[in-house]
N, C-alpha and C. Protein backbone atom coordinates (compact mmCIF):
# COMPACT_ATOMS: atom_id res chain seq x y z
N MET A 1 -8.94 18.29 -4.68
CA MET A 1 -8.47 17.03 -4.13
C MET A 1 -7.39 16.46 -5.06
N THR A 2 -6.50 15.68 -4.47
CA THR A 2 -5.38 15.12 -5.21
C THR A 2 -5.28 13.63 -4.90
N LYS A 3 -5.01 12.85 -5.92
CA LYS A 3 -4.84 11.41 -5.71
C LYS A 3 -3.40 11.12 -5.31
N PHE A 4 -3.28 10.18 -4.37
CA PHE A 4 -1.97 9.70 -3.91
C PHE A 4 -1.99 8.18 -3.93
N VAL A 5 -0.86 7.61 -4.33
CA VAL A 5 -0.70 6.16 -4.34
C VAL A 5 0.23 5.79 -3.20
N PHE A 6 -0.25 4.91 -2.35
CA PHE A 6 0.58 4.36 -1.28
C PHE A 6 1.13 3.04 -1.79
N ILE A 7 2.44 2.89 -1.76
CA ILE A 7 3.11 1.65 -2.14
C ILE A 7 3.65 1.03 -0.85
N TYR A 8 3.20 -0.18 -0.55
CA TYR A 8 3.60 -0.85 0.68
C TYR A 8 4.82 -1.73 0.43
N HIS A 9 5.82 -1.58 1.30
CA HIS A 9 7.04 -2.38 1.23
C HIS A 9 7.12 -3.25 2.49
N ALA A 10 7.61 -4.47 2.31
CA ALA A 10 7.82 -5.39 3.43
C ALA A 10 8.89 -6.40 3.02
N PRO A 11 9.53 -7.02 4.01
CA PRO A 11 10.59 -7.97 3.68
C PRO A 11 10.09 -9.25 3.02
N GLN A 12 8.79 -9.54 3.14
CA GLN A 12 8.22 -10.70 2.47
C GLN A 12 6.78 -10.40 2.09
N THR A 13 6.29 -11.06 1.06
CA THR A 13 4.91 -10.86 0.64
C THR A 13 3.98 -11.56 1.61
N PRO A 14 2.72 -11.13 1.69
CA PRO A 14 1.77 -11.83 2.55
C PRO A 14 1.67 -13.32 2.21
N ALA A 15 1.79 -13.67 0.94
CA ALA A 15 1.71 -15.07 0.53
C ALA A 15 2.88 -15.88 1.08
N ASP A 16 4.03 -15.24 1.30
CA ASP A 16 5.21 -15.94 1.81
C ASP A 16 5.28 -15.97 3.33
N ALA A 17 4.49 -15.15 3.99
CA ALA A 17 4.53 -15.07 5.45
C ALA A 17 3.80 -16.26 6.08
N THR A 18 4.15 -16.55 7.31
CA THR A 18 3.42 -17.57 8.06
C THR A 18 2.00 -17.07 8.29
N PRO A 19 1.01 -17.85 7.90
CA PRO A 19 -0.38 -17.38 8.06
C PRO A 19 -0.70 -17.13 9.54
N PRO A 20 -1.30 -15.98 9.83
CA PRO A 20 -1.68 -15.71 11.22
C PRO A 20 -2.88 -16.57 11.60
N ASP A 21 -3.05 -16.75 12.89
CA ASP A 21 -4.24 -17.49 13.32
C ASP A 21 -5.46 -16.59 13.10
N PRO A 22 -6.66 -17.15 13.11
CA PRO A 22 -7.86 -16.36 12.79
C PRO A 22 -8.04 -15.12 13.67
N GLU A 23 -7.69 -15.22 14.94
CA GLU A 23 -7.84 -14.07 15.83
C GLU A 23 -6.87 -12.95 15.44
N GLU A 24 -5.62 -13.32 15.15
CA GLU A 24 -4.63 -12.33 14.71
C GLU A 24 -5.08 -11.69 13.39
N MET A 25 -5.58 -12.50 12.46
CA MET A 25 -6.04 -11.97 11.18
C MET A 25 -7.18 -10.99 11.38
N GLN A 26 -8.08 -11.30 12.29
CA GLN A 26 -9.20 -10.40 12.56
C GLN A 26 -8.69 -9.07 13.12
N GLN A 27 -7.67 -9.13 13.99
CA GLN A 27 -7.11 -7.90 14.56
C GLN A 27 -6.42 -7.07 13.48
N VAL A 28 -5.63 -7.73 12.63
CA VAL A 28 -4.91 -7.02 11.56
C VAL A 28 -5.90 -6.37 10.60
N MET A 29 -6.88 -7.15 10.15
CA MET A 29 -7.86 -6.60 9.21
C MET A 29 -8.71 -5.52 9.87
N GLY A 30 -8.98 -5.67 11.15
CA GLY A 30 -9.72 -4.63 11.87
C GLY A 30 -8.97 -3.32 11.88
N ALA A 31 -7.65 -3.38 12.09
CA ALA A 31 -6.83 -2.16 12.08
C ALA A 31 -6.84 -1.51 10.70
N TRP A 32 -6.75 -2.34 9.63
CA TRP A 32 -6.79 -1.80 8.27
C TRP A 32 -8.15 -1.17 7.98
N MET A 33 -9.21 -1.79 8.44
CA MET A 33 -10.55 -1.24 8.17
C MET A 33 -10.76 0.06 8.95
N GLN A 34 -10.23 0.14 10.17
CA GLN A 34 -10.32 1.39 10.93
C GLN A 34 -9.57 2.50 10.20
N TRP A 35 -8.39 2.16 9.65
CA TRP A 35 -7.64 3.16 8.89
C TRP A 35 -8.44 3.60 7.67
N ALA A 36 -9.06 2.66 6.97
CA ALA A 36 -9.87 2.99 5.79
C ALA A 36 -11.03 3.91 6.17
N GLU A 37 -11.60 3.71 7.35
CA GLU A 37 -12.67 4.60 7.81
C GLU A 37 -12.16 6.02 8.00
N LYS A 38 -10.90 6.17 8.46
CA LYS A 38 -10.30 7.51 8.60
C LYS A 38 -10.20 8.20 7.24
N VAL A 39 -9.85 7.41 6.22
CA VAL A 39 -9.75 7.97 4.87
C VAL A 39 -11.13 8.40 4.38
N GLY A 40 -12.14 7.63 4.73
CA GLY A 40 -13.52 7.96 4.38
C GLY A 40 -13.77 7.96 2.88
N PRO A 41 -14.51 8.96 2.40
CA PRO A 41 -14.87 8.98 0.98
C PRO A 41 -13.69 9.21 0.05
N GLY A 42 -12.52 9.53 0.60
CA GLY A 42 -11.33 9.70 -0.21
C GLY A 42 -10.68 8.39 -0.63
N MET A 43 -11.25 7.25 -0.19
CA MET A 43 -10.70 5.95 -0.58
C MET A 43 -11.10 5.68 -2.03
N VAL A 44 -10.13 5.73 -2.93
CA VAL A 44 -10.37 5.46 -4.35
C VAL A 44 -10.28 3.97 -4.61
N ASP A 45 -9.22 3.34 -4.10
CA ASP A 45 -9.00 1.91 -4.30
C ASP A 45 -8.27 1.40 -3.06
N PHE A 46 -8.94 0.58 -2.27
CA PHE A 46 -8.35 0.03 -1.05
C PHE A 46 -7.08 -0.74 -1.38
N GLY A 47 -7.02 -1.30 -2.57
CA GLY A 47 -5.84 -2.03 -3.00
C GLY A 47 -5.92 -3.50 -2.67
N THR A 48 -4.79 -4.15 -2.78
CA THR A 48 -4.70 -5.58 -2.55
C THR A 48 -3.25 -5.96 -2.32
N PRO A 49 -3.00 -7.09 -1.69
CA PRO A 49 -1.62 -7.56 -1.62
C PRO A 49 -1.11 -7.90 -3.02
N LEU A 50 0.18 -7.76 -3.21
CA LEU A 50 0.81 -8.08 -4.49
C LEU A 50 1.88 -9.15 -4.28
N ALA A 51 2.10 -9.95 -5.31
CA ALA A 51 3.14 -10.99 -5.27
C ALA A 51 3.53 -11.32 -6.70
N GLY A 52 4.67 -11.98 -6.85
CA GLY A 52 5.09 -12.45 -8.16
C GLY A 52 5.42 -11.35 -9.15
N GLY A 53 5.98 -10.25 -8.66
CA GLY A 53 6.32 -9.13 -9.53
C GLY A 53 7.32 -9.51 -10.60
N VAL A 54 7.17 -8.88 -11.76
CA VAL A 54 8.07 -9.11 -12.89
C VAL A 54 8.60 -7.76 -13.35
N HIS A 55 9.89 -7.68 -13.56
CA HIS A 55 10.56 -6.45 -14.02
C HIS A 55 10.72 -6.56 -15.55
N VAL A 56 10.11 -5.62 -16.27
CA VAL A 56 10.13 -5.65 -17.74
C VAL A 56 10.94 -4.46 -18.25
N THR A 57 11.91 -4.74 -19.11
CA THR A 57 12.70 -3.70 -19.76
C THR A 57 12.83 -4.05 -21.23
N THR A 58 13.47 -3.18 -21.99
CA THR A 58 13.71 -3.49 -23.40
C THR A 58 14.67 -4.66 -23.56
N ASP A 59 15.39 -4.99 -22.49
CA ASP A 59 16.32 -6.12 -22.52
C ASP A 59 15.65 -7.46 -22.21
N GLY A 60 14.42 -7.41 -21.72
CA GLY A 60 13.72 -8.66 -21.41
C GLY A 60 12.93 -8.58 -20.12
N VAL A 61 12.66 -9.76 -19.58
CA VAL A 61 11.81 -9.91 -18.41
C VAL A 61 12.58 -10.70 -17.35
N ALA A 62 12.48 -10.27 -16.10
CA ALA A 62 13.13 -10.96 -14.99
C ALA A 62 12.28 -10.80 -13.74
N PRO A 63 12.41 -11.70 -12.78
CA PRO A 63 11.67 -11.52 -11.53
C PRO A 63 12.03 -10.19 -10.88
N SER A 64 11.05 -9.54 -10.30
CA SER A 64 11.28 -8.28 -9.60
C SER A 64 12.09 -8.54 -8.34
N THR A 65 13.00 -7.64 -8.05
CA THR A 65 13.78 -7.73 -6.82
C THR A 65 13.29 -6.71 -5.80
N GLN A 66 12.19 -6.05 -6.11
CA GLN A 66 11.62 -5.05 -5.20
C GLN A 66 10.81 -5.73 -4.11
N ASP A 67 10.65 -5.03 -3.00
CA ASP A 67 9.90 -5.56 -1.88
C ASP A 67 8.48 -4.98 -1.82
N VAL A 68 7.91 -4.68 -2.98
CA VAL A 68 6.55 -4.13 -3.05
C VAL A 68 5.56 -5.25 -2.75
N VAL A 69 4.69 -5.01 -1.76
CA VAL A 69 3.74 -6.05 -1.36
C VAL A 69 2.28 -5.61 -1.45
N GLY A 70 2.02 -4.35 -1.87
CA GLY A 70 0.64 -3.91 -1.99
C GLY A 70 0.56 -2.43 -2.32
N TYR A 71 -0.66 -1.96 -2.47
CA TYR A 71 -0.89 -0.55 -2.80
C TYR A 71 -2.26 -0.11 -2.32
N THR A 72 -2.47 1.19 -2.23
CA THR A 72 -3.76 1.82 -1.98
C THR A 72 -3.75 3.14 -2.73
N ILE A 73 -4.90 3.56 -3.24
CA ILE A 73 -5.03 4.87 -3.87
C ILE A 73 -6.07 5.67 -3.09
N ILE A 74 -5.67 6.88 -2.68
CA ILE A 74 -6.59 7.75 -1.95
C ILE A 74 -6.69 9.09 -2.67
N ASP A 75 -7.72 9.83 -2.35
CA ASP A 75 -7.94 11.17 -2.91
C ASP A 75 -8.19 12.10 -1.73
N VAL A 76 -7.17 12.93 -1.41
CA VAL A 76 -7.25 13.81 -0.25
C VAL A 76 -6.86 15.23 -0.64
N GLU A 77 -6.99 16.13 0.30
CA GLU A 77 -6.78 17.56 0.05
C GLU A 77 -5.38 17.89 -0.45
N ASN A 78 -4.34 17.31 0.18
CA ASN A 78 -2.97 17.69 -0.18
C ASN A 78 -1.98 16.65 0.33
N ALA A 79 -0.70 16.88 0.05
CA ALA A 79 0.34 15.94 0.46
C ALA A 79 0.43 15.81 1.97
N ASP A 80 0.21 16.89 2.70
CA ASP A 80 0.26 16.81 4.16
C ASP A 80 -0.80 15.85 4.69
N ALA A 81 -2.01 15.92 4.12
CA ALA A 81 -3.08 15.02 4.54
C ALA A 81 -2.73 13.57 4.22
N ALA A 82 -2.14 13.35 3.05
CA ALA A 82 -1.73 11.99 2.66
C ALA A 82 -0.66 11.47 3.61
N LEU A 83 0.31 12.31 3.95
CA LEU A 83 1.39 11.88 4.84
C LEU A 83 0.88 11.58 6.24
N GLU A 84 -0.07 12.36 6.73
CA GLU A 84 -0.64 12.08 8.05
C GLU A 84 -1.34 10.73 8.05
N LEU A 85 -2.05 10.41 6.97
CA LEU A 85 -2.70 9.10 6.88
C LEU A 85 -1.66 7.99 6.80
N ALA A 86 -0.58 8.22 6.08
CA ALA A 86 0.48 7.20 5.98
C ALA A 86 1.14 6.96 7.34
N LYS A 87 1.38 8.02 8.08
CA LYS A 87 2.04 7.88 9.39
C LYS A 87 1.20 7.07 10.37
N ALA A 88 -0.11 7.07 10.19
CA ALA A 88 -1.02 6.36 11.09
C ALA A 88 -1.45 5.01 10.52
N HIS A 89 -0.81 4.56 9.46
CA HIS A 89 -1.23 3.33 8.78
C HIS A 89 -0.76 2.09 9.54
N PRO A 90 -1.64 1.08 9.68
CA PRO A 90 -1.25 -0.14 10.40
C PRO A 90 -0.16 -0.96 9.71
N HIS A 91 0.07 -0.74 8.44
CA HIS A 91 1.14 -1.46 7.75
C HIS A 91 2.50 -1.22 8.42
N LEU A 92 2.68 -0.03 8.98
CA LEU A 92 3.95 0.31 9.63
C LEU A 92 4.20 -0.52 10.87
N ASN A 93 3.15 -1.13 11.42
CA ASN A 93 3.28 -1.95 12.62
C ASN A 93 3.49 -3.43 12.32
N MET A 94 3.52 -3.78 11.05
CA MET A 94 3.73 -5.17 10.68
C MET A 94 5.18 -5.56 10.98
N PRO A 95 5.45 -6.83 11.26
CA PRO A 95 6.82 -7.23 11.61
C PRO A 95 7.79 -7.14 10.43
N GLY A 96 9.04 -6.91 10.74
CA GLY A 96 10.09 -6.99 9.73
C GLY A 96 10.54 -5.69 9.13
N GLY A 97 10.06 -4.55 9.62
CA GLY A 97 10.52 -3.27 9.06
C GLY A 97 9.75 -2.84 7.83
N CYS A 98 8.45 -2.80 7.92
CA CYS A 98 7.60 -2.40 6.80
C CYS A 98 7.62 -0.88 6.63
N SER A 99 7.40 -0.43 5.41
CA SER A 99 7.38 1.00 5.12
C SER A 99 6.35 1.29 4.03
N ILE A 100 6.09 2.58 3.84
CA ILE A 100 5.13 3.03 2.84
C ILE A 100 5.76 4.16 2.05
N GLU A 101 5.67 4.07 0.72
CA GLU A 101 6.02 5.20 -0.15
C GLU A 101 4.71 5.90 -0.49
N VAL A 102 4.74 7.23 -0.51
CA VAL A 102 3.56 8.02 -0.89
C VAL A 102 3.93 8.79 -2.14
N HIS A 103 3.16 8.58 -3.20
CA HIS A 103 3.39 9.26 -4.48
C HIS A 103 2.15 10.04 -4.88
N GLU A 104 2.34 11.28 -5.31
CA GLU A 104 1.23 12.07 -5.85
C GLU A 104 0.99 11.66 -7.29
N ALA A 105 -0.25 11.34 -7.62
CA ALA A 105 -0.60 10.99 -9.00
C ALA A 105 -0.66 12.28 -9.81
N GLN A 106 0.10 12.34 -10.86
CA GLN A 106 0.20 13.53 -11.72
C GLN A 106 -0.77 13.41 -12.88
N PRO A 107 -1.34 14.52 -13.32
CA PRO A 107 -2.22 14.47 -14.49
C PRO A 107 -1.41 14.13 -15.75
N VAL A 108 -2.05 13.42 -16.65
CA VAL A 108 -1.41 13.08 -17.92
C VAL A 108 -1.73 14.21 -18.90
N PRO A 109 -0.72 14.87 -19.47
CA PRO A 109 -0.98 15.96 -20.40
C PRO A 109 -1.88 15.50 -21.57
N GLY A 110 -2.86 16.31 -21.85
CA GLY A 110 -3.74 16.03 -22.98
C GLY A 110 -4.86 15.06 -22.68
N MET A 111 -4.97 14.62 -21.43
CA MET A 111 -6.04 13.68 -21.08
C MET A 111 -6.99 14.28 -20.07
């Protein structure tokens, strides 16, 4: 099995979006939970929404200009399996042109 990190991109963070009404929220969360059920025991970390990113370099600290709004970590057989799960993810149906990056977690040498 291989770990993959899904990085969710959206034009605005969930904290900046207009809050959905309770029925809409239930539908959205229901779709995410159904997707998580598809992942099954391979769900390492369901993740969480992200906001307030900070870009740190040797030159200093500045607000992040990236559109990263969340993450999930899964453990599946291979990249094809991870991509199939990403293609069926409800995040892609969110308004505004949302996308997902899929990254394979690499082993750290010597650890």
